C-alpha atoms as a PDB file:
ATOM      1  CA  UNK A   1     174.872  77.715 140.608  1.00  0.00           C
ATOM      2  CA  UNK A   2     178.397  78.858 141.591  1.00  0.00           C
ATOM      3  CA  UNK A   3     180.119  77.081 144.474  1.00  0.00           C
ATOM      4  CA  UNK A   4     181.865  80.157 145.923  1.00  0.00           C
ATOM      5  CA  UNK A   5     181.713  83.944 145.963  1.00  0.00           C
ATOM      6  CA  UNK A   6     185.021  84.082 144.054  1.00  0.00           C
ATOM      7  CA  UNK A   7     186.871  81.696 141.768  1.00  0.00           C
ATOM      8  CA  UNK A   8     190.681  81.964 141.368  1.00  0.00           C
ATOM      9  CA  UNK A   9     191.491  82.906 137.789  1.00  0.00           C
ATOM     10  CA  UNK A  10     194.069  80.116 137.513  1.00  0.00           C
ATOM     11  CA  UNK A  11     197.154  82.325 137.450  1.00  0.00           C
ATOM     12  CA  UNK A  12     198.114  81.367 141.003  1.00  0.00           C
ATOM     13  CA  UNK A  13     198.180  85.021 142.089  1.00  0.00           C
ATOM     14  CA  UNK A  14     195.703  87.484 143.550  1.00  0.00           C
ATOM     15  CA  UNK A  15     193.304  87.579 140.614  1.00  0.00           C
ATOM     16  CA  UNK A  16     189.757  86.294 141.078  1.00  0.00           C
ATOM     17  CA  UNK A  17     186.478  86.089 139.221  1.00  0.00           C
ATOM     18  CA  UNK A  18     183.467  87.316 141.179  1.00  0.00           C
ATOM     19  CA  UNK A  19     180.486  85.008 140.723  1.00  0.00           C
ATOM     20  CA  UNK A  20     176.752  85.719 140.795  1.00  0.00           C
ATOM     21  CA  UNK A  21     176.765  85.000 144.540  1.00  0.00           C
ATOM     22  CA  UNK A  22     178.345  88.437 145.092  1.00  0.00           C
ATOM     23  CA  UNK A  23     175.411  90.265 143.449  1.00  0.00           C
ATOM     24  CA  UNK A  24     173.973  93.094 145.547  1.00  0.00           C
ATOM     25  CA  UNK A  25     170.478  94.623 145.697  1.00  0.00           C
ATOM     26  CA  UNK A  26     171.110  97.950 143.942  1.00  0.00           C
ATOM     27  CA  UNK A  27     172.337  96.850 140.510  1.00  0.00           C
ATOM     28  CA  UNK A  28     172.132  93.306 139.053  1.00  0.00           C
ATOM     29  CA  UNK A  29     175.573  93.776 137.514  1.00  0.00           C
ATOM     30  CA  UNK A  30     177.304  94.969 140.689  1.00  0.00           C
ATOM     31  CA  UNK A  31     178.631  93.227 143.777  1.00  0.00           C
ATOM     32  CA  UNK A  32     177.324  93.616 147.308  1.00  0.00           C
ATOM     33  CA  UNK A  33     180.080  95.269 149.369  1.00  0.00           C
ATOM     34  CA  UNK A  34     180.290  92.363 151.854  1.00  0.00           C
ATOM     35  CA  UNK A  35     182.125  89.831 149.647  1.00  0.00           C
ATOM     36  CA  UNK A  36     184.815  92.270 148.388  1.00  0.00           C
ATOM     37  CA  UNK A  37     185.321  93.521 151.950  1.00  0.00           C
ATOM     38  CA  UNK A  38     185.957  89.920 152.984  1.00  0.00           C
ATOM     39  CA  UNK A  39     188.286  89.418 150.000  1.00  0.00           C
ATOM     40  CA  UNK A  40     190.283  92.466 151.110  1.00  0.00           C
ATOM     41  CA  UNK A  41     190.322  90.969 154.610  1.00  0.00           C
ATOM     42  CA  UNK A  42     191.732  87.764 153.153  1.00  0.00           C
ATOM     43  CA  UNK A  43     194.617  89.705 151.586  1.00  0.00           C
ATOM     44  CA  UNK A  44     195.194  91.634 154.813  1.00  0.00           C
ATOM     45  CA  UNK A  45     195.384  88.586 157.060  1.00  0.00           C
ATOM     46  CA  UNK A  46     197.659  86.698 154.653  1.00  0.00           C
ATOM     47  CA  UNK A  47     200.313  89.395 154.807  1.00  0.00           C
ATOM     48  CA  UNK A  48     203.535  88.249 156.483  1.00  0.00           C
ATOM     49  CA  UNK A  49     204.082  88.974 160.165  1.00  0.00           C
ATOM     50  CA  UNK A  50     200.593  88.139 161.460  1.00  0.00           C
ATOM     51  CA  UNK A  51     201.772  85.809 164.246  1.00  0.00           C
ATOM     52  CA  UNK A  52     200.894  87.253 167.648  1.00  0.00           C
ATOM     53  CA  UNK A  53     198.703  89.995 166.143  1.00  0.00           C
ATOM     54  CA  UNK A  54     194.954  90.431 165.670  1.00  0.00           C
ATOM     55  CA  UNK A  55     193.127  92.628 163.174  1.00  0.00           C
ATOM     56  CA  UNK A  56     191.438  95.216 165.403  1.00  0.00           C
ATOM     57  CA  UNK A  57     189.900  97.473 162.774  1.00  0.00           C
ATOM     58  CA  UNK A  58     189.213  97.361 159.045  1.00  0.00           C
ATOM     59  CA  UNK A  59     187.891 100.384 157.150  1.00  0.00           C
ATOM     60  CA  UNK A  60     186.830  99.888 153.546  1.00  0.00           C
ATOM     61  CA  UNK A  61     186.308 102.805 151.167  1.00  0.00           C
ATOM     62  CA  UNK A  62     183.970 101.998 148.269  1.00  0.00           C
ATOM     63  CA  UNK A  63     185.280 104.153 145.435  1.00  0.00           C
ATOM     64  CA  UNK A  64     183.022 102.896 142.640  1.00  0.00           C
ATOM     65  CA  UNK A  65     180.435 100.197 142.009  1.00  0.00           C
ATOM     66  CA  UNK A  66     182.144  96.820 141.763  1.00  0.00           C
ATOM     67  CA  UNK A  67     181.154  94.937 138.596  1.00  0.00           C
ATOM     68  CA  UNK A  68     180.586  91.198 138.802  1.00  0.00           C
ATOM     69  CA  UNK A  69     183.664  89.988 136.977  1.00  0.00           C
ATOM     70  CA  UNK A  70     187.454  89.810 137.349  1.00  0.00           C
ATOM     71  CA  UNK A  71     189.142  91.580 140.259  1.00  0.00           C
ATOM     72  CA  UNK A  72     192.706  91.863 141.507  1.00  0.00           C
ATOM     73  CA  UNK A  73     193.574  92.208 145.201  1.00  0.00           C
ATOM     74  CA  UNK A  74     196.815  93.354 146.810  1.00  0.00           C
ATOM     75  CA  UNK A  75     198.008  94.276 150.314  1.00  0.00           C
ATOM     76  CA  UNK A  76     201.094  95.882 151.814  1.00  0.00           C
ATOM     77  CA  UNK A  77     202.444  96.769 155.229  1.00  0.00           C
ATOM     78  CA  UNK A  78     202.131 100.561 155.390  1.00  0.00           C
ATOM     79  CA  UNK A  79     203.298 101.069 158.978  1.00  0.00           C
ATOM     80  CA  UNK A  80     205.524  98.405 160.545  1.00  0.00           C
ATOM     81  CA  UNK A  81     205.795  98.083 164.301  1.00  0.00           C
ATOM     82  CA  UNK A  82     206.380  95.673 167.150  1.00  0.00           C
ATOM     83  CA  UNK A  83     202.997  96.412 168.780  1.00  0.00           C
ATOM     84  CA  UNK A  84     200.807  98.045 166.122  1.00  0.00           C
ATOM     85  CA  UNK A  85     200.924  97.775 162.354  1.00  0.00           C
ATOM     86  CA  UNK A  86     198.855  99.375 159.615  1.00  0.00           C
ATOM     87  CA  UNK A  87     198.052  97.422 156.467  1.00  0.00           C
ATOM     88  CA  UNK A  88     196.702  98.891 153.250  1.00  0.00           C
ATOM     89  CA  UNK A  89     194.877  96.803 150.671  1.00  0.00           C
ATOM     90  CA  UNK A  90     193.349  97.476 147.278  1.00  0.00           C
ATOM     91  CA  UNK A  91     190.801  95.742 145.078  1.00  0.00           C
ATOM     92  CA  UNK A  92     190.433  96.740 141.453  1.00  0.00           C
ATOM     93  CA  UNK A  93     189.781  95.819 137.866  1.00  0.00           C
ATOM     94  CA  UNK A  94     192.698  96.419 135.542  1.00  0.00           C
ATOM     95  CA  UNK A  95     194.289  99.732 136.535  1.00  0.00           C
ATOM     96  CA  UNK A  96     191.106 101.062 138.173  1.00  0.00           C
ATOM     97  CA  UNK A  97     190.845 100.920 141.969  1.00  0.00           C
ATOM     98  CA  UNK A  98     187.334 100.053 143.109  1.00  0.00           C
ATOM     99  CA  UNK A  99     187.717  99.517 146.850  1.00  0.00           C
ATOM    100  CA  UNK A 100     190.445 100.364 149.348  1.00  0.00           C
ATOM    101  CA  UNK A 101     190.987  99.152 152.891  1.00  0.00           C
ATOM    102  CA  UNK A 102     193.124 100.114 155.842  1.00  0.00           C
ATOM    103  CA  UNK A 103     193.501  97.823 158.822  1.00  0.00           C
ATOM    104  CA  UNK A 104     195.160  98.098 162.211  1.00  0.00           C
ATOM    105  CA  UNK A 105     196.896  94.939 163.349  1.00  0.00           C
ATOM    106  CA  UNK A 106     197.576  94.994 167.104  1.00  0.00           C
ATOM    107  CA  UNK A 107     199.742  92.612 169.087  1.00  0.00           C
ATOM    108  CA  UNK A 108     197.744  90.545 171.570  1.00  0.00           C
ATOM    109  CA  UNK A 109     198.772  89.884 175.158  1.00  0.00           C
ATOM    110  CA  UNK A 110     197.406  88.069 178.195  1.00  0.00           C
ATOM    111  CA  UNK A 111     195.902  90.553 180.668  1.00  0.00           C
ATOM    112  CA  UNK A 112     194.258  89.875 183.998  1.00  0.00           C
ATOM    113  CA  UNK A 113     191.163  92.068 183.862  1.00  0.00           C
ATOM    114  CA  UNK A 114     188.394  92.243 186.416  1.00  0.00           C
ATOM    115  CA  UNK A 115     185.128  91.009 184.954  1.00  0.00           C
ATOM    116  CA  UNK A 116     183.583  94.495 185.048  1.00  0.00           C
ATOM    117  CA  UNK A 117     186.492  95.909 183.038  1.00  0.00           C
ATOM    118  CA  UNK A 118     186.402  93.408 180.189  1.00  0.00           C
ATOM    119  CA  UNK A 119     184.195  94.364 177.242  1.00  0.00           C
ATOM    120  CA  UNK A 120     181.345  91.905 177.114  1.00  0.00           C
ATOM    121  CA  UNK A 121     177.649  91.713 176.370  1.00  0.00           C
ATOM    122  CA  UNK A 122     175.402  88.672 176.161  1.00  0.00           C
ATOM    123  CA  UNK A 123     174.381  87.716 172.635  1.00  0.00           C
ATOM    124  CA  UNK A 124     170.819  88.143 171.347  1.00  0.00           C
ATOM    125  CA  UNK A 125     168.665  85.019 171.093  1.00  0.00           C
ATOM    126  CA  UNK A 126     170.594  82.520 168.986  1.00  0.00           C
ATOM    127  CA  UNK A 127     170.088  81.633 165.326  1.00  0.00           C
ATOM    128  CA  UNK A 128     168.116  78.535 166.287  1.00  0.00           C
ATOM    129  CA  UNK A 129     165.461  80.877 167.720  1.00  0.00           C
ATOM    130  CA  UNK A 130     165.256  83.061 164.609  1.00  0.00           C
ATOM    131  CA  UNK A 131     163.332  82.764 161.381  1.00  0.00           C
ATOM    132  CA  UNK A 132     164.377  83.194 157.776  1.00  0.00           C
ATOM    133  CA  UNK A 133     163.426  86.799 156.990  1.00  0.00           C
ATOM    134  CA  UNK A 134     161.402  87.966 154.040  1.00  0.00           C
ATOM    135  CA  UNK A 135     163.535  89.847 151.512  1.00  0.00           C
ATOM    136  CA  UNK A 136     162.589  92.838 149.426  1.00  0.00           C
ATOM    137  CA  UNK A 137     162.351  91.947 145.743  1.00  0.00           C
ATOM    138  CA  UNK A 138     165.752  92.319 144.075  1.00  0.00           C
ATOM    139  CA  UNK A 139     164.505  90.954 140.753  1.00  0.00           C
ATOM    140  CA  UNK A 140     167.273  88.327 140.846  1.00  0.00           C
ATOM    141  CA  UNK A 141     167.093  84.662 141.785  1.00  0.00           C
ATOM    142  CA  UNK A 142     170.794  84.393 142.702  1.00  0.00           C
ATOM    143  CA  UNK A 143     172.892  86.816 144.673  1.00  0.00           C
ATOM    144  CA  UNK A 144     174.301  87.686 148.073  1.00  0.00           C
ATOM    145  CA  UNK A 145     170.795  87.346 149.531  1.00  0.00           C
ATOM    146  CA  UNK A 146     170.676  83.663 148.513  1.00  0.00           C
ATOM    147  CA  UNK A 147     174.362  82.904 149.204  1.00  0.00           C
ATOM    148  CA  UNK A 148     174.061  83.724 152.913  1.00  0.00           C
ATOM    149  CA  UNK A 149     171.950  81.923 155.504  1.00  0.00           C
ATOM    150  CA  UNK A 150     169.759  84.289 157.523  1.00  0.00           C
ATOM    151  CA  UNK A 151     167.942  84.018 160.851  1.00  0.00           C
ATOM    152  CA  UNK A 152     166.074  87.096 162.055  1.00  0.00           C
ATOM    153  CA  UNK A 153     165.363  87.476 165.774  1.00  0.00           C
ATOM    154  CA  UNK A 154     164.067  91.051 165.539  1.00  0.00           C
ATOM    155  CA  UNK A 155     162.907  93.127 162.577  1.00  0.00           C
ATOM    156  CA  UNK A 156     163.415  92.261 158.917  1.00  0.00           C
ATOM    157  CA  UNK A 157     164.241  93.705 155.506  1.00  0.00           C
ATOM    158  CA  UNK A 158     160.608  94.609 154.808  1.00  0.00           C
ATOM    159  CA  UNK A 159     159.853  95.926 158.313  1.00  0.00           C
ATOM    160  CA  UNK A 160     161.191  99.481 158.846  1.00  0.00           C
ATOM    161  CA  UNK A 161     163.388 100.094 161.871  1.00  0.00           C
ATOM    162  CA  UNK A 162     166.140  98.403 163.879  1.00  0.00           C
ATOM    163  CA  UNK A 163     166.815  94.738 163.226  1.00  0.00           C
ATOM    164  CA  UNK A 164     168.850  91.881 164.654  1.00  0.00           C
ATOM    165  CA  UNK A 165     169.854  89.164 162.206  1.00  0.00           C
ATOM    166  CA  UNK A 166     172.180  86.155 162.414  1.00  0.00           C
ATOM    167  CA  UNK A 167     174.116  85.306 159.264  1.00  0.00           C
ATOM    168  CA  UNK A 168     176.205  82.380 158.081  1.00  0.00           C
ATOM    169  CA  UNK A 169     178.054  81.895 154.809  1.00  0.00           C
ATOM    170  CA  UNK A 170     176.390  79.268 152.644  1.00  0.00           C
ATOM    171  CA  UNK A 171     179.461  79.059 150.389  1.00  0.00           C
ATOM    172  CA  UNK A 172     183.223  79.587 150.696  1.00  0.00           C
ATOM    173  CA  UNK A 173     184.556  83.064 150.001  1.00  0.00           C
ATOM    174  CA  UNK A 174     187.159  81.604 147.623  1.00  0.00           C
ATOM    175  CA  UNK A 175     186.576  78.230 146.008  1.00  0.00           C
ATOM    176  CA  UNK A 176     188.366  75.411 147.834  1.00  0.00           C
ATOM    177  CA  UNK A 177     189.107  77.446 150.991  1.00  0.00           C
ATOM    178  CA  UNK A 178     187.560  77.353 154.458  1.00  0.00           C
ATOM    179  CA  UNK A 179     186.464  80.884 155.449  1.00  0.00           C
ATOM    180  CA  UNK A 180     188.418  82.447 158.314  1.00  0.00           C
ATOM    181  CA  UNK A 181     186.819  84.231 161.286  1.00  0.00           C
ATOM    182  CA  UNK A 182     187.796  87.626 159.840  1.00  0.00           C
ATOM    183  CA  UNK A 183     186.249  86.765 156.488  1.00  0.00           C
ATOM    184  CA  UNK A 184     183.041  85.588 158.181  1.00  0.00           C
ATOM    185  CA  UNK A 185     182.558  88.861 160.027  1.00  0.00           C
ATOM    186  CA  UNK A 186     183.522  91.178 157.148  1.00  0.00           C
ATOM    187  CA  UNK A 187     181.169  89.524 154.677  1.00  0.00           C
ATOM    188  CA  UNK A 188     178.290  89.983 157.154  1.00  0.00           C
ATOM    189  CA  UNK A 189     179.013  93.422 158.658  1.00  0.00           C
ATOM    190  CA  UNK A 190     177.967  95.370 155.558  1.00  0.00           C
ATOM    191  CA  UNK A 191     174.255  94.486 155.878  1.00  0.00           C
ATOM    192  CA  UNK A 192     173.479  97.005 158.630  1.00  0.00           C
ATOM    193  CA  UNK A 193     171.852  99.575 156.338  1.00  0.00           C
ATOM    194  CA  UNK A 194     169.879  96.877 154.535  1.00  0.00           C
ATOM    195  CA  UNK A 195     168.357  95.081 157.498  1.00  0.00           C
ATOM    196  CA  UNK A 196     167.544  98.240 159.511  1.00  0.00           C
ATOM    197  CA  UNK A 197     166.270 100.482 156.715  1.00  0.00           C
ATOM    198  CA  UNK A 198     163.704 103.093 157.716  1.00  0.00           C
ATOM    199  CA  UNK A 199     163.012 104.144 154.115  1.00  0.00           C
ATOM    200  CA  UNK A 200     161.267 102.075 151.449  1.00  0.00           C
ATOM    201  CA  UNK A 201     163.687 100.541 148.952  1.00  0.00           C
ATOM    202  CA  UNK A 202     161.115 101.116 146.226  1.00  0.00           C
ATOM    203  CA  UNK A 203     161.225 104.897 146.715  1.00  0.00           C
ATOM    204  CA  UNK A 204     164.720 105.555 148.127  1.00  0.00           C
ATOM    205  CA  UNK A 205     168.323 104.497 147.780  1.00  0.00           C
ATOM    206  CA  UNK A 206     170.469 104.308 150.926  1.00  0.00           C
ATOM    207  CA  UNK A 207     173.857 103.171 149.690  1.00  0.00           C
ATOM    208  CA  UNK A 208     176.901 103.011 151.944  1.00  0.00           C
ATOM    209  CA  UNK A 209     180.135 104.545 150.712  1.00  0.00           C
ATOM    210  CA  UNK A 210     182.269 102.906 153.383  1.00  0.00           C
ATOM    211  CA  UNK A 211     182.371 100.227 156.057  1.00  0.00           C
ATOM    212  CA  UNK A 212     184.325 100.393 159.313  1.00  0.00           C
ATOM    213  CA  UNK A 213     184.535  97.299 161.501  1.00  0.00           C
ATOM    214  CA  UNK A 214     186.115  97.419 164.969  1.00  0.00           C
ATOM    215  CA  UNK A 215     186.866  94.004 166.433  1.00  0.00           C
ATOM    216  CA  UNK A 216     187.466  93.442 170.125  1.00  0.00           C
ATOM    217  CA  UNK A 217     187.907  89.779 169.293  1.00  0.00           C
ATOM    218  CA  UNK A 218     187.365  87.545 166.299  1.00  0.00           C
ATOM    219  CA  UNK A 219     184.168  85.502 166.082  1.00  0.00           C
ATOM    220  CA  UNK A 220     184.063  81.845 167.059  1.00  0.00           C
ATOM    221  CA  UNK A 221     181.886  79.539 164.995  1.00  0.00           C
ATOM    222  CA  UNK A 222     180.102  80.102 161.708  1.00  0.00           C
ATOM    223  CA  UNK A 223     177.304  82.465 162.770  1.00  0.00           C
ATOM    224  CA  UNK A 224     177.711  86.256 163.058  1.00  0.00           C
ATOM    225  CA  UNK A 225     174.934  88.483 164.400  1.00  0.00           C
ATOM    226  CA  UNK A 226     174.375  92.071 163.203  1.00  0.00           C
ATOM    227  CA  UNK A 227     172.251  94.222 165.532  1.00  0.00           C
ATOM    228  CA  UNK A 228     171.670  97.329 163.419  1.00  0.00           C
ATOM    229  CA  UNK A 229     169.986 100.728 163.394  1.00  0.00           C
ATOM    230  CA  UNK A 230     169.878 103.348 160.621  1.00  0.00           C
ATOM    231  CA  UNK A 231     169.787 107.127 161.153  1.00  0.00           C
ATOM    232  CA  UNK A 232     168.784 109.114 158.014  1.00  0.00           C
ATOM    233  CA  UNK A 233     168.741 112.904 157.813  1.00  0.00           C
ATOM    234  CA  UNK A 234     166.826 115.244 155.446  1.00  0.00           C
ATOM    235  CA  UNK A 235     170.217 116.348 154.087  1.00  0.00           C
ATOM    236  CA  UNK A 236     170.482 113.039 152.242  1.00  0.00           C
ATOM    237  CA  UNK A 237     173.224 111.774 154.552  1.00  0.00           C
ATOM    238  CA  UNK A 238     172.871 109.113 157.213  1.00  0.00           C
ATOM    239  CA  UNK A 239     174.656 106.427 159.153  1.00  0.00           C
ATOM    240  CA  UNK A 240     173.998 102.813 159.974  1.00  0.00           C
ATOM    241  CA  UNK A 241     175.438 101.491 163.222  1.00  0.00           C
ATOM    242  CA  UNK A 242     175.688  97.830 164.197  1.00  0.00           C
ATOM    243  CA  UNK A 243     176.815  95.835 167.208  1.00  0.00           C
ATOM    244  CA  UNK A 244     178.369  92.528 166.182  1.00  0.00           C
ATOM    245  CA  UNK A 245     178.062  89.243 168.087  1.00  0.00           C
ATOM    246  CA  UNK A 246     178.955  85.591 167.890  1.00  0.00           C
ATOM    247  CA  UNK A 247     177.078  82.979 169.881  1.00  0.00           C
ATOM    248  CA  UNK A 248     179.185  83.714 172.978  1.00  0.00           C
ATOM    249  CA  UNK A 249     178.645  87.485 173.064  1.00  0.00           C
ATOM    250  CA  UNK A 250     179.774  90.821 171.676  1.00  0.00           C
ATOM    251  CA  UNK A 251     182.744  90.905 169.290  1.00  0.00           C
ATOM    252  CA  UNK A 252     182.729  94.542 168.110  1.00  0.00           C
ATOM    253  CA  UNK A 253     180.944  97.228 166.112  1.00  0.00           C
ATOM    254  CA  UNK A 254     180.410  98.314 162.507  1.00  0.00           C
ATOM    255  CA  UNK A 255     179.475 101.679 160.992  1.00  0.00           C
ATOM    256  CA  UNK A 256     178.518 102.851 157.506  1.00  0.00           C
ATOM    257  CA  UNK A 257     178.186 106.326 155.974  1.00  0.00           C
ATOM    258  CA  UNK A 258     175.074 106.481 153.791  1.00  0.00           C
ATOM    259  CA  UNK A 259     174.176 108.340 150.603  1.00  0.00           C
ATOM    260  CA  UNK A 260     170.394 108.696 150.669  1.00  0.00           C
ATOM    261  CA  UNK A 261     168.358 109.773 147.637  1.00  0.00           C
ATOM    262  CA  UNK A 262     164.979 109.401 146.048  1.00  0.00           C
ATOM    263  CA  UNK A 263     164.751 107.029 143.129  1.00  0.00           C
END
C-alpha cells in the first residue's frame, strides 16, 4: 500500500510519481481529479511572494485523463500586483499538458465588519455524527475512495440526490510532507458530482471537465465538508455545486461543469 498520493521522483524538482491512491472511479488507470488539483495547489502556494496573500480562487481545467504515473508540475506569476495576483500552473506528462490551473491570490487585511456583513454559515453536523458511506463498486481495492476518510451526514454515493459528506486525507499528498489547508480543500472539493449524483453510475457517466473553488477563508483542521447538489440536463450537460465547510463554518464554494452520457 502506498504511503502518499504522490512520491517525489528523486530529482529534487517538480516531478512526481502518482500512486494507486490517486485512482478515480471512471478508469482504473486514471487519477481522480482531486489529488492533481491539490498538487497544482501545492505549486501555486509555493510560488514566491505569498506572504500577506491568500488564495481566493482556483480554477482547474481538466484537458485529458490523467494516467497514474509520472507527472511534472510548474507554476508562474502571470499577473503581478500589490493587492491581487494571478498565478498559472500546469501539470503534465512529458510535453503533454493534462491539467491547467489559474488562481487569484489576494492580499488580506484586517477589517472591522458588522456580524451581519461577514460571510458565515454554521457547519452541518460534524464528522463525529456521520457514518462511513457505502461506495458504488469501482472494481478496485485501492484508490482515492480508500485513501480518504469519509463521514456522511446526509445522502451517500448510492443514494441519488444531494449529499453532505465530511472528508479527511488518510495519507499525505506528497510523501514526507504535512498537507496544507489549501491542499486539504482542493483534494476534497472535486467529489461534488460523485456524492450528489442523480443518475446511476452503472448506466451513465457524469464526468467533470473543470473544478472552480472560491475560498472566503482557508479551512482550519483536517476535516473538510462538501455539501453538494447535481443538476443534469437532457442536453448531456450539467453542473455540480457545493458549499464547503470546516468544523467552524462555511469556507467557500465549488462548482463543476459536467459531461453526461449513457454508457
